[in-house]
N, C-alpha and C. Protein backbone atom coordinates (compact mmCIF):
# COMPACT_ATOMS: atom_id res chain seq x y z
N MET A 1 3.80 -14.56 8.50
CA MET A 1 3.53 -13.36 8.04
C MET A 1 2.19 -12.82 7.84
N TYR A 2 1.98 -11.52 7.65
CA TYR A 2 0.65 -11.02 7.53
C TYR A 2 0.87 -9.84 6.56
N GLY A 3 -0.47 -9.85 6.19
CA GLY A 3 -0.33 -8.48 4.91
C GLY A 3 -1.47 -8.16 4.45
N THR A 4 -1.52 -7.39 3.27
CA THR A 4 -2.80 -6.99 2.68
C THR A 4 -2.56 -6.91 1.09
N VAL A 5 -3.51 -7.11 0.39
CA VAL A 5 -3.67 -6.73 -0.96
C VAL A 5 -4.63 -5.72 -1.10
N ALA A 6 -4.34 -4.61 -2.09
CA ALA A 6 -5.38 -3.75 -2.31
C ALA A 6 -5.51 -3.40 -3.85
N LYS A 7 -6.79 -3.51 -4.30
CA LYS A 7 -6.88 -3.22 -5.57
C LYS A 7 -7.22 -1.74 -5.57
N MET A 8 -6.22 -0.85 -6.43
CA MET A 8 -6.30 0.58 -6.53
C MET A 8 -6.73 1.00 -8.11
N ARG A 9 -7.71 1.85 -8.12
CA ARG A 9 -8.01 2.56 -9.41
C ARG A 9 -7.20 4.11 -9.60
N VAL A 10 -6.26 4.08 -10.33
CA VAL A 10 -5.63 5.30 -10.31
C VAL A 10 -6.15 6.16 -11.30
N LYS A 11 -6.14 7.64 -10.94
CA LYS A 11 -6.50 8.41 -12.11
C LYS A 11 -5.38 8.47 -13.27
N PRO A 12 -5.67 8.59 -14.32
CA PRO A 12 -4.79 8.37 -15.63
C PRO A 12 -3.56 9.29 -15.34
N GLU A 13 -3.90 10.57 -14.94
CA GLU A 13 -2.82 11.82 -14.92
C GLU A 13 -2.14 11.55 -13.53
N ASN A 14 -2.43 10.60 -12.68
CA ASN A 14 -1.66 10.23 -11.50
C ASN A 14 -0.72 9.29 -11.23
N ARG A 15 -0.65 8.54 -12.47
CA ARG A 15 0.24 7.37 -12.46
C ARG A 15 1.52 7.41 -11.91
N GLU A 16 2.35 8.55 -12.67
CA GLU A 16 3.54 8.67 -12.15
C GLU A 16 3.97 9.35 -10.90
N GLN A 17 2.74 10.03 -10.62
CA GLN A 17 2.86 10.90 -9.10
C GLN A 17 2.60 9.67 -8.23
N LEU A 18 1.63 8.85 -8.27
CA LEU A 18 1.61 7.71 -7.39
C LEU A 18 3.06 6.85 -6.87
N LYS A 19 3.44 6.81 -7.95
CA LYS A 19 4.82 5.84 -7.81
C LYS A 19 5.91 6.90 -7.16
N LYS A 20 5.81 8.00 -7.40
CA LYS A 20 6.85 8.81 -6.59
C LYS A 20 6.20 9.07 -5.14
N VAL A 21 4.93 9.18 -5.01
CA VAL A 21 4.41 9.29 -3.47
C VAL A 21 4.89 7.90 -2.70
N MET A 22 4.81 6.81 -3.39
CA MET A 22 4.86 5.44 -2.68
C MET A 22 6.28 5.39 -2.50
N ASP A 23 7.24 5.73 -3.50
CA ASP A 23 8.69 5.67 -3.20
C ASP A 23 9.07 6.60 -2.13
N ALA A 24 8.60 7.85 -2.06
CA ALA A 24 9.05 8.76 -1.02
C ALA A 24 8.57 8.38 0.34
N GLN A 25 7.48 7.74 0.47
CA GLN A 25 6.72 7.11 1.68
C GLN A 25 7.87 6.12 2.32
N MET A 26 8.42 5.39 1.48
CA MET A 26 9.36 4.08 1.89
C MET A 26 10.75 4.54 2.09
N GLN A 27 10.87 6.03 2.07
CA GLN A 27 12.25 6.48 2.19
C GLN A 27 12.39 6.98 3.84
N GLY A 28 11.04 7.13 4.09
CA GLY A 28 11.04 7.72 5.54
C GLY A 28 11.41 7.00 6.85
N ASP A 29 11.02 7.20 7.87
CA ASP A 29 11.10 6.36 8.95
C ASP A 29 10.87 4.88 8.82
N PRO A 30 11.75 3.94 9.46
CA PRO A 30 11.38 2.52 9.16
C PRO A 30 10.13 2.47 10.03
N ILE A 31 8.94 1.32 9.26
CA ILE A 31 7.82 0.98 10.03
C ILE A 31 8.10 -0.41 10.72
N PRO A 32 8.09 -0.45 12.21
CA PRO A 32 8.17 -1.70 12.76
C PRO A 32 7.52 -2.87 12.06
N GLY A 33 8.21 -3.85 11.72
CA GLY A 33 7.62 -5.10 11.40
C GLY A 33 7.27 -5.15 10.07
N TYR A 34 7.72 -3.90 9.19
CA TYR A 34 7.28 -3.97 7.54
C TYR A 34 8.46 -4.74 7.07
N GLN A 35 8.06 -5.62 5.92
CA GLN A 35 8.88 -6.19 5.29
C GLN A 35 9.28 -5.75 3.99
N ARG A 36 8.27 -5.74 3.13
CA ARG A 36 8.32 -5.05 1.80
C ARG A 36 7.05 -5.03 1.08
N SER A 37 6.80 -4.33 0.07
CA SER A 37 5.71 -4.44 -0.62
C SER A 37 5.85 -4.19 -2.05
N PHE A 38 4.95 -4.53 -2.90
CA PHE A 38 4.89 -4.95 -4.46
C PHE A 38 3.75 -4.09 -4.92
N VAL A 39 4.05 -3.68 -6.29
CA VAL A 39 2.89 -2.93 -7.03
C VAL A 39 2.89 -3.98 -8.34
N LEU A 40 1.59 -4.18 -8.63
CA LEU A 40 1.55 -4.86 -10.03
C LEU A 40 0.57 -4.11 -10.74
N MET A 41 1.02 -3.79 -11.87
CA MET A 41 0.52 -2.50 -12.63
C MET A 41 0.69 -3.26 -14.21
N GLU A 42 -0.21 -2.48 -14.99
CA GLU A 42 -0.31 -2.74 -16.59
C GLU A 42 -0.03 -1.38 -17.06
N ASN A 43 0.59 -1.06 -18.09
CA ASN A 43 0.60 0.32 -18.68
C ASN A 43 -0.72 0.86 -19.12
N ASP A 44 -1.27 0.04 -19.59
CA ASP A 44 -2.77 0.39 -20.35
C ASP A 44 -3.96 0.32 -19.40
N SER A 45 -3.81 -0.04 -18.00
CA SER A 45 -4.82 -0.15 -17.24
C SER A 45 -4.64 0.90 -15.92
N ASP A 46 -5.88 1.42 -15.47
CA ASP A 46 -5.97 2.29 -14.60
C ASP A 46 -5.91 1.46 -13.01
N VAL A 47 -5.87 0.00 -13.27
CA VAL A 47 -5.79 -0.70 -11.96
C VAL A 47 -4.45 -1.10 -11.43
N ASN A 48 -4.31 -0.82 -10.25
CA ASN A 48 -2.71 -1.46 -9.57
C ASN A 48 -3.45 -2.06 -8.42
N TRP A 49 -2.34 -3.36 -8.29
CA TRP A 49 -2.59 -3.99 -7.08
C TRP A 49 -1.52 -3.89 -6.29
N LEU A 50 -1.74 -3.49 -4.91
CA LEU A 50 -0.68 -3.33 -4.10
C LEU A 50 -0.53 -4.46 -3.12
N PHE A 51 0.55 -5.22 -2.78
CA PHE A 51 0.90 -6.18 -1.82
C PHE A 51 1.84 -5.54 -0.67
N VAL A 52 1.28 -5.77 0.30
CA VAL A 52 2.29 -5.31 1.59
C VAL A 52 2.51 -6.44 2.58
N ILE A 53 3.64 -6.61 2.93
CA ILE A 53 3.98 -7.68 3.77
C ILE A 53 4.44 -7.29 5.13
N PHE A 54 4.09 -7.84 6.27
CA PHE A 54 4.36 -7.36 7.53
C PHE A 54 5.21 -8.73 8.35
N ASP A 55 5.92 -8.67 9.30
CA ASP A 55 6.11 -9.78 10.21
C ASP A 55 4.98 -10.44 10.40
N ASP A 56 4.13 -9.83 11.37
CA ASP A 56 2.91 -10.61 11.84
C ASP A 56 1.62 -9.70 11.89
N ARG A 57 0.54 -10.35 12.32
CA ARG A 57 -0.77 -9.46 12.53
C ARG A 57 -0.58 -8.39 13.38
N LYS A 58 0.52 -8.59 14.60
CA LYS A 58 0.39 -7.66 15.40
C LYS A 58 1.14 -6.22 15.11
N SER A 59 2.22 -6.49 14.11
CA SER A 59 2.85 -5.32 13.69
C SER A 59 2.07 -4.47 12.53
N TYR A 60 1.39 -5.45 11.85
CA TYR A 60 0.36 -4.91 10.65
C TYR A 60 -0.76 -3.96 11.27
N ASP A 61 -1.43 -4.62 12.44
CA ASP A 61 -2.47 -3.77 13.35
C ASP A 61 -1.70 -2.56 13.70
N ALA A 62 -0.52 -2.75 14.41
CA ALA A 62 -0.06 -1.33 15.06
C ALA A 62 0.25 -0.35 13.99
N ASN A 63 0.64 -0.59 12.81
CA ASN A 63 0.90 0.12 11.66
C ASN A 63 -0.46 0.81 11.23
N ALA A 64 -1.41 0.01 11.17
CA ALA A 64 -2.94 0.43 10.62
C ALA A 64 -3.44 1.53 11.53
N ASP A 65 -3.22 1.29 12.96
CA ASP A 65 -3.54 2.32 14.01
C ASP A 65 -2.89 3.50 14.15
N ASP A 66 -1.82 3.66 13.39
CA ASP A 66 -0.64 4.82 13.68
C ASP A 66 -1.16 5.92 12.77
N PRO A 67 -1.22 7.11 13.47
CA PRO A 67 -1.66 8.34 12.91
C PRO A 67 -0.80 8.53 11.68
N ALA A 68 0.15 8.25 11.69
CA ALA A 68 1.20 8.70 10.57
C ALA A 68 0.91 7.78 9.33
N GLN A 69 0.53 6.36 9.60
CA GLN A 69 -0.15 5.62 8.51
C GLN A 69 -1.21 6.34 7.85
N HIS A 70 -1.99 6.80 8.66
CA HIS A 70 -3.38 7.72 8.06
C HIS A 70 -3.01 8.81 7.09
N GLU A 71 -1.83 9.48 7.61
CA GLU A 71 -1.27 10.62 6.82
C GLU A 71 -0.65 10.04 5.32
N ARG A 72 -0.06 8.83 5.44
CA ARG A 72 0.75 8.31 4.33
C ARG A 72 -0.66 7.71 3.23
N TYR A 73 -1.63 7.34 3.81
CA TYR A 73 -2.71 6.76 3.13
C TYR A 73 -3.50 7.97 2.45
N MET A 74 -3.78 9.02 3.31
CA MET A 74 -4.54 10.15 2.46
C MET A 74 -3.80 10.57 1.57
N GLU A 75 -2.58 10.74 1.39
CA GLU A 75 -1.69 11.29 0.66
C GLU A 75 -1.72 10.24 -0.84
N MET A 76 -1.75 8.97 -0.73
CA MET A 76 -2.00 8.01 -1.80
C MET A 76 -3.55 8.42 -2.29
N ARG A 77 -4.50 8.32 -1.32
CA ARG A 77 -5.71 8.27 -1.73
C ARG A 77 -6.10 9.26 -2.44
N ALA A 78 -5.63 10.64 -2.25
CA ALA A 78 -5.73 11.71 -3.24
C ALA A 78 -5.54 11.63 -4.66
N LEU A 79 -4.77 10.57 -5.05
CA LEU A 79 -4.30 10.20 -6.26
C LEU A 79 -5.17 9.10 -6.97
N LEU A 80 -6.10 8.51 -6.36
CA LEU A 80 -7.09 7.42 -6.72
C LEU A 80 -8.44 7.82 -7.29
N GLU A 81 -9.06 7.20 -8.09
CA GLU A 81 -10.36 7.16 -8.74
C GLU A 81 -11.46 7.26 -7.28
N GLU A 82 -11.10 5.96 -6.69
CA GLU A 82 -11.92 5.88 -5.45
C GLU A 82 -11.04 4.93 -4.30
N ASP A 83 -11.76 4.80 -3.41
CA ASP A 83 -11.26 4.10 -1.96
C ASP A 83 -10.69 2.47 -2.68
N PRO A 84 -9.47 2.14 -2.12
CA PRO A 84 -9.05 0.92 -2.65
C PRO A 84 -9.95 -0.13 -1.93
N GLU A 85 -9.77 -1.37 -2.63
CA GLU A 85 -10.58 -2.68 -2.11
C GLU A 85 -9.40 -3.35 -1.38
N TRP A 86 -9.60 -3.60 -0.11
CA TRP A 86 -8.34 -4.04 0.70
C TRP A 86 -8.89 -5.51 1.01
N HIS A 87 -7.86 -6.38 1.23
CA HIS A 87 -8.10 -7.80 1.67
C HIS A 87 -6.84 -8.24 2.39
N ASP A 88 -7.03 -8.38 3.81
CA ASP A 88 -6.20 -8.69 4.76
C ASP A 88 -6.12 -10.29 5.16
N GLY A 89 -4.88 -10.70 5.37
CA GLY A 89 -4.84 -11.95 5.88
C GLY A 89 -3.41 -12.48 6.05
N MET A 90 -3.38 -13.74 6.66
CA MET A 90 -1.98 -14.39 6.75
C MET A 90 -1.32 -14.73 5.57
N ILE A 91 0.03 -14.61 5.31
CA ILE A 91 0.53 -15.08 4.05
C ILE A 91 1.14 -16.44 4.19
N VAL A 92 0.92 -17.26 3.42
CA VAL A 92 1.28 -18.77 3.63
C VAL A 92 2.08 -19.07 2.34
N GLU A 93 3.10 -19.45 2.70
CA GLU A 93 4.18 -19.76 1.48
C GLU A 93 3.90 -21.30 1.23
N GLY A 94 3.92 -21.49 -0.28
CA GLY A 94 3.53 -22.72 -0.77
C GLY A 94 4.71 -23.17 -1.64
């Protein structure tokens, strides 16, 4: 498995909207190789951690290069304070 972790600072007034946008994006066409994602958040914090899991690096990279993914990212990015901090890598089960 391969994936990414992103530290995102959400504008306080956009917390609910970000959840709606991300939920709506997952209702669209299936993304090849995508397994699932999680968001870790605290009610009193502007920081959210996004975890996204793909079958492998090939499917992750294909998604990253897809113009449709860029559109999804820009919709999400508009709700954030700054660009997310991304960390990509192999997912090792322990």
